[in-house]
Amino acid sequence: MPRSAPLRQATFEEFLALEASSPERHELVEGLVFALAGETDIHNRLVARLLLKLLPKAEEKGCEAFAEGVLLKVGEAAYYPDLFVTCEETLNGAPFKETACLVVEVLSPGTEAIDRGEKLLRYRELPGLQAYALVAQEARRVEIYRRLPDGAWRYEVVEKGQVELPCIGAVLDLEELYRGLPLRKAT
């Protein structure tokens, strides 16, 4: 499903002022402000589990992991990734970050096309990005795009076992990640 119509045009500075005063979150793409969709309890639980797993590993490496509430500026766009890891100066009070070595989006019907298309292309522009992961909500499935040493990207799908997330050396156990969640039956 495509994103809804833009709410207005704004410069990045105007967008930051809007975010500081608005109870709702928005994203900025090519000077256009878009409202963010709501999230489900399953989406929220997956993000929380991911953060609990990644935050200690990030801190061990002198990095930070952020979930949903911190903007990531990518060129002329600003997004709230479901989760990202950055090793840039942390806790400096800025309302956004400009680098990430790992970005994770939990797929939902309303945002999947954007996560797979626009955001994939944008996030890959980040020079230090080592991986972009897409986590399914309805099935045990993690898709990951990894940057290779030559700069090319490799795509892989993991549906059982574990998946290693580069940048901080975290390993996700899919059984643990999806434990107790209502998953679609395999066909």
Protein backbone atom coordinates (compact mmCIF):
# COMPACT_ATOMS: atom_id res chain seq x y z
CA MET A 1 0.00 0.00 0.00
CA PRO A 2 1.41 3.40 -0.92
CA ARG A 3 1.95 6.03 1.75
CA SER A 4 -0.83 8.54 2.38
CA ALA A 5 -0.84 12.00 0.84
CA PRO A 6 1.72 14.43 2.26
CA LEU A 7 0.51 16.77 4.98
CA ARG A 8 2.65 19.71 3.88
CA GLN A 9 6.00 20.84 2.54
CA ALA A 10 8.81 21.72 4.92
CA THR A 11 12.52 22.34 5.10
CA PHE A 12 14.47 20.05 7.40
CA GLU A 13 14.56 22.77 10.07
CA GLU A 14 10.78 23.31 9.80
CA PHE A 15 10.30 19.56 10.02
CA LEU A 16 12.37 19.36 13.22
CA ALA A 17 10.29 22.17 14.75
CA LEU A 18 7.09 20.30 13.80
CA GLU A 19 8.37 17.10 15.41
CA ALA A 20 9.33 18.94 18.59
CA SER A 21 5.79 20.30 19.00
CA SER A 22 3.65 17.46 17.64
CA PRO A 23 2.25 14.52 19.62
CA GLU A 24 2.31 12.45 16.40
CA ARG A 25 5.42 11.38 14.54
CA HIS A 26 6.10 12.19 10.89
CA GLU A 27 8.72 11.45 8.26
CA LEU A 28 10.25 13.86 5.76
CA VAL A 29 10.85 12.75 2.17
CA GLU A 30 12.01 15.19 -0.52
CA GLY A 31 10.63 18.15 1.41
CA LEU A 32 7.23 16.54 2.04
CA VAL A 33 5.93 15.66 5.51
CA PHE A 34 4.06 12.36 5.93
CA ALA A 35 2.22 11.06 9.00
CA LEU A 36 3.39 7.72 10.37
CA ALA A 37 1.01 4.79 10.59
CA GLY A 38 0.09 3.20 13.91
CA GLU A 39 1.65 -0.03 15.08
CA THR A 40 0.27 -3.33 16.32
CA ASP A 41 1.08 -5.06 19.57
CA ILE A 42 3.00 -7.73 17.63
CA HIS A 43 5.06 -5.05 15.88
CA ASN A 44 5.78 -3.41 19.23
CA ARG A 45 6.76 -6.70 20.85
CA LEU A 46 9.19 -7.55 18.03
CA VAL A 47 10.82 -4.11 18.25
CA ALA A 48 11.14 -4.43 22.04
CA ARG A 49 12.72 -7.89 21.75
CA LEU A 50 15.14 -6.65 19.12
CA LEU A 51 16.15 -3.67 21.25
CA LEU A 52 16.67 -5.85 24.32
CA LYS A 53 18.96 -8.09 22.26
CA LEU A 54 20.87 -5.37 20.40
CA LEU A 55 21.33 -2.63 23.01
CA PRO A 56 23.81 -4.52 25.25
CA LYS A 57 25.87 -5.59 22.21
CA ALA A 58 25.86 -2.02 20.87
CA GLU A 59 27.01 -0.61 24.20
CA GLU A 60 29.82 -3.19 24.39
CA LYS A 61 31.12 -1.76 21.10
CA GLY A 62 30.74 1.87 22.21
CA CYS A 63 27.65 2.33 20.05
CA GLU A 64 23.94 2.98 20.70
CA ALA A 65 20.76 1.26 19.60
CA PHE A 66 17.60 3.31 19.16
CA ALA A 67 14.04 2.10 18.69
CA GLU A 68 11.34 4.08 16.91
CA GLY A 69 11.80 7.43 18.68
CA VAL A 70 14.98 8.82 17.11
CA LEU A 71 15.16 10.25 13.60
CA LEU A 72 17.73 9.04 11.10
CA LYS A 73 18.56 11.66 8.46
CA VAL A 74 19.43 10.16 5.10
CA GLY A 75 20.16 12.75 2.42
CA GLU A 76 16.97 14.76 1.94
CA ALA A 77 14.86 12.36 4.00
CA ALA A 78 14.34 11.76 7.71
CA TYR A 79 12.86 8.51 9.00
CA TYR A 80 12.06 6.86 12.32
CA PRO A 81 13.46 3.37 11.72
CA ASP A 82 11.97 0.68 13.92
CA LEU A 83 15.50 0.14 15.21
CA PHE A 84 18.97 1.30 14.26
CA VAL A 85 22.49 1.15 15.61
CA THR A 86 24.87 4.06 15.33
CA CYS A 87 28.40 4.51 16.53
CA GLU A 88 28.42 8.29 16.04
CA GLU A 89 28.72 10.47 19.11
CA THR A 90 25.92 9.33 21.35
CA LEU A 91 23.57 11.12 23.71
CA ASN A 92 24.50 14.58 22.43
CA GLY A 93 20.93 15.86 22.66
CA ALA A 94 20.43 16.25 18.91
CA PRO A 95 16.96 15.24 17.70
CA PHE A 96 18.41 13.12 14.89
CA LYS A 97 21.38 10.98 13.87
CA GLU A 98 23.07 10.91 10.48
CA THR A 99 24.87 7.58 10.55
CA ALA A 100 23.88 3.98 11.13
CA CYS A 101 25.73 0.71 10.74
CA LEU A 102 22.55 -1.40 11.10
CA VAL A 103 18.92 -0.54 10.35
CA VAL A 104 15.99 -2.86 11.12
CA GLU A 105 12.39 -2.41 9.97
CA VAL A 106 9.54 -4.64 11.14
CA LEU A 107 7.28 -5.18 8.14
CA SER A 108 3.60 -4.32 8.28
CA PRO A 109 1.00 -4.28 5.50
CA GLY A 110 0.83 -0.47 5.48
CA THR A 111 4.57 0.13 5.23
CA GLU A 112 6.06 -2.99 3.62
CA ALA A 113 6.26 -1.51 0.11
CA ILE A 114 8.02 1.59 1.45
CA ASP A 115 10.42 -0.49 3.59
CA ARG A 116 11.30 -2.73 0.62
CA GLY A 117 11.55 0.08 -1.92
CA GLU A 118 12.15 3.67 -0.92
CA LYS A 119 13.79 2.96 2.45
CA LEU A 120 15.99 0.17 1.07
CA LEU A 121 17.33 2.56 -1.57
CA ARG A 122 17.77 5.43 0.90
CA TYR A 123 19.37 3.49 3.72
CA ARG A 124 21.89 1.94 1.34
CA GLU A 125 23.15 5.51 0.70
CA LEU A 126 24.50 5.61 4.26
CA PRO A 127 28.27 5.11 3.88
CA GLY A 128 28.70 3.17 7.13
CA LEU A 129 25.64 0.96 6.77
CA GLN A 130 26.66 -2.70 6.99
CA ALA A 131 23.19 -4.25 6.96
CA TYR A 132 19.50 -3.53 6.48
CA ALA A 133 17.17 -6.13 8.00
CA LEU A 134 13.46 -6.65 7.37
CA VAL A 135 11.65 -8.59 10.09
CA ALA A 136 8.30 -10.19 9.20
CA GLN A 137 5.39 -9.95 11.65
CA GLU A 138 3.27 -12.89 10.53
CA ALA A 139 5.93 -15.50 9.84
CA ARG A 140 9.32 -16.46 11.26
CA ARG A 141 11.39 -14.66 8.64
CA VAL A 142 14.23 -12.15 8.58
CA GLU A 143 15.50 -10.78 5.30
CA ILE A 144 18.85 -9.06 5.38
CA TYR A 145 20.80 -6.98 2.90
CA ARG A 146 24.52 -7.05 3.72
CA ARG A 147 27.16 -4.72 2.32
CA LEU A 148 30.11 -6.74 1.03
CA PRO A 149 33.72 -5.49 1.25
CA ASP A 150 33.60 -4.46 -2.43
CA GLY A 151 30.50 -2.30 -1.78
CA ALA A 152 28.04 -4.67 -3.47
CA TRP A 153 24.99 -5.91 -1.56
CA ARG A 154 24.02 -9.52 -0.80
CA TYR A 155 20.43 -10.46 0.02
CA GLU A 156 19.58 -13.44 2.20
CA VAL A 157 16.49 -14.88 3.87
CA VAL A 158 16.58 -16.66 7.24
CA GLU A 159 13.49 -18.60 8.36
CA LYS A 160 14.95 -20.82 11.08
CA GLY A 161 17.96 -20.94 13.30
CA GLN A 162 19.99 -17.80 13.81
CA VAL A 163 20.96 -14.72 11.86
CA GLU A 164 24.08 -12.69 12.55
CA LEU A 165 23.71 -8.93 12.45
CA PRO A 166 26.94 -7.18 11.55
CA CYS A 167 28.27 -3.97 13.04
CA ILE A 168 27.95 -5.12 16.65
CA GLY A 169 28.24 -8.89 16.23
CA ALA A 170 24.75 -9.66 17.55
CA VAL A 171 23.13 -13.00 16.79
CA LEU A 172 19.36 -13.27 16.65
CA ASP A 173 17.75 -16.59 17.44
CA LEU A 174 14.52 -16.65 15.43
CA GLU A 175 12.83 -19.10 17.80
CA GLU A 176 13.51 -16.72 20.69
CA LEU A 177 12.50 -13.61 18.70
CA TYR A 178 9.12 -15.05 17.67
CA ARG A 179 8.33 -17.09 20.81
CA GLY A 180 4.63 -16.89 21.71
CA LEU A 181 3.64 -14.71 18.76
CA PRO A 182 0.73 -15.73 16.51
CA LEU A 183 2.40 -16.72 13.26
CA ARG A 184 0.85 -17.64 9.93
CA LYS A 185 0.90 -21.39 9.26
CA ALA A 186 3.41 -22.51 6.64
CA THR A 187 1.80 -23.57 3.37
